[in-house]
Amino acid sequence: MSLPITSLKSVKNYSLQGLSLTLETPEGPRTIWLAPKQIIKIPEEFIGNQIRNLHNRRMLQISN
């Protein structure tokens, strides 16, 4: 069963170090590596507590 994707979000690593991010996918947690200044596009549903926490600490930027 496929879930509808509402919107894609751009996540940019603003820190000077690489980050290992955990995405909350429907199949379960998935870990990706985000290099400094790298940008990825992910569905809004994949954003979990870790990504929100890093965004609040201004290490990541989340935009449309």
Protein backbone atom coordinates (compact mmCIF):
# COMPACT_ATOMS: atom_id res chain seq x y z
CA MET A 1 0.00 0.00 0.00
CA SER A 2 1.41 3.36 -1.02
CA LEU A 3 0.95 6.42 1.14
CA PRO A 4 0.21 9.75 -0.56
CA ILE A 5 3.08 12.22 -0.33
CA THR A 6 1.81 15.64 0.68
CA SER A 7 4.93 17.72 -0.01
CA LEU A 8 8.69 17.50 -0.34
CA LYS A 9 10.92 19.46 2.03
CA SER A 10 14.52 20.52 1.42
CA VAL A 11 16.84 19.74 4.32
CA LYS A 12 20.22 21.50 4.26
CA ASN A 13 23.12 20.73 6.58
CA TYR A 14 24.26 24.13 7.88
CA SER A 15 26.95 22.75 10.20
CA LEU A 16 30.61 22.26 9.29
CA GLN A 17 30.44 18.55 10.09
CA GLY A 18 28.69 15.63 8.43
CA LEU A 19 25.49 14.42 10.08
CA SER A 20 23.89 11.00 10.21
CA LEU A 21 20.13 11.56 9.99
CA THR A 22 17.38 9.05 10.75
CA LEU A 23 14.36 9.27 8.46
CA GLU A 24 11.02 7.92 9.73
CA THR A 25 9.90 5.99 6.64
CA PRO A 26 6.76 3.79 6.45
CA GLU A 27 9.04 0.72 6.20
CA GLY A 28 10.89 1.74 9.37
CA PRO A 29 13.81 3.98 10.30
CA ARG A 30 16.38 4.67 7.56
CA THR A 31 19.73 6.34 8.16
CA ILE A 32 21.38 8.66 5.64
CA TRP A 33 24.63 10.64 5.69
CA LEU A 34 24.40 14.39 5.03
CA ALA A 35 27.71 16.09 4.23
CA PRO A 36 28.37 19.74 5.19
CA LYS A 37 26.33 22.17 3.04
CA GLN A 38 24.56 19.25 1.29
CA ILE A 39 20.84 19.52 0.48
CA ILE A 40 18.39 16.61 0.16
CA LYS A 41 14.66 16.56 -0.63
CA ILE A 42 12.51 14.26 1.50
CA PRO A 43 8.78 13.86 2.09
CA GLU A 44 7.45 15.88 5.01
CA GLU A 45 6.27 12.65 6.72
CA PHE A 46 9.89 11.42 7.00
CA ILE A 47 10.90 14.29 9.32
CA GLY A 48 11.20 12.95 12.86
CA ASN A 49 12.25 14.28 16.25
CA GLN A 50 15.98 14.14 15.50
CA ILE A 51 15.66 16.35 12.41
CA ARG A 52 13.35 18.80 14.23
CA ASN A 53 15.81 18.96 17.14
CA LEU A 54 18.77 19.69 14.81
CA HIS A 55 16.64 22.34 13.09
CA ASN A 56 15.89 24.00 16.46
CA ARG A 57 19.64 23.95 17.22
CA ARG A 58 20.23 25.67 13.82
CA MET A 59 22.34 22.85 12.45
CA LEU A 60 19.77 22.05 9.72
CA GLN A 61 17.53 24.24 7.64
CA ILE A 62 14.14 22.89 6.54
CA SER A 63 12.42 24.69 3.68
CA ASN A 64 9.92 24.02 0.89
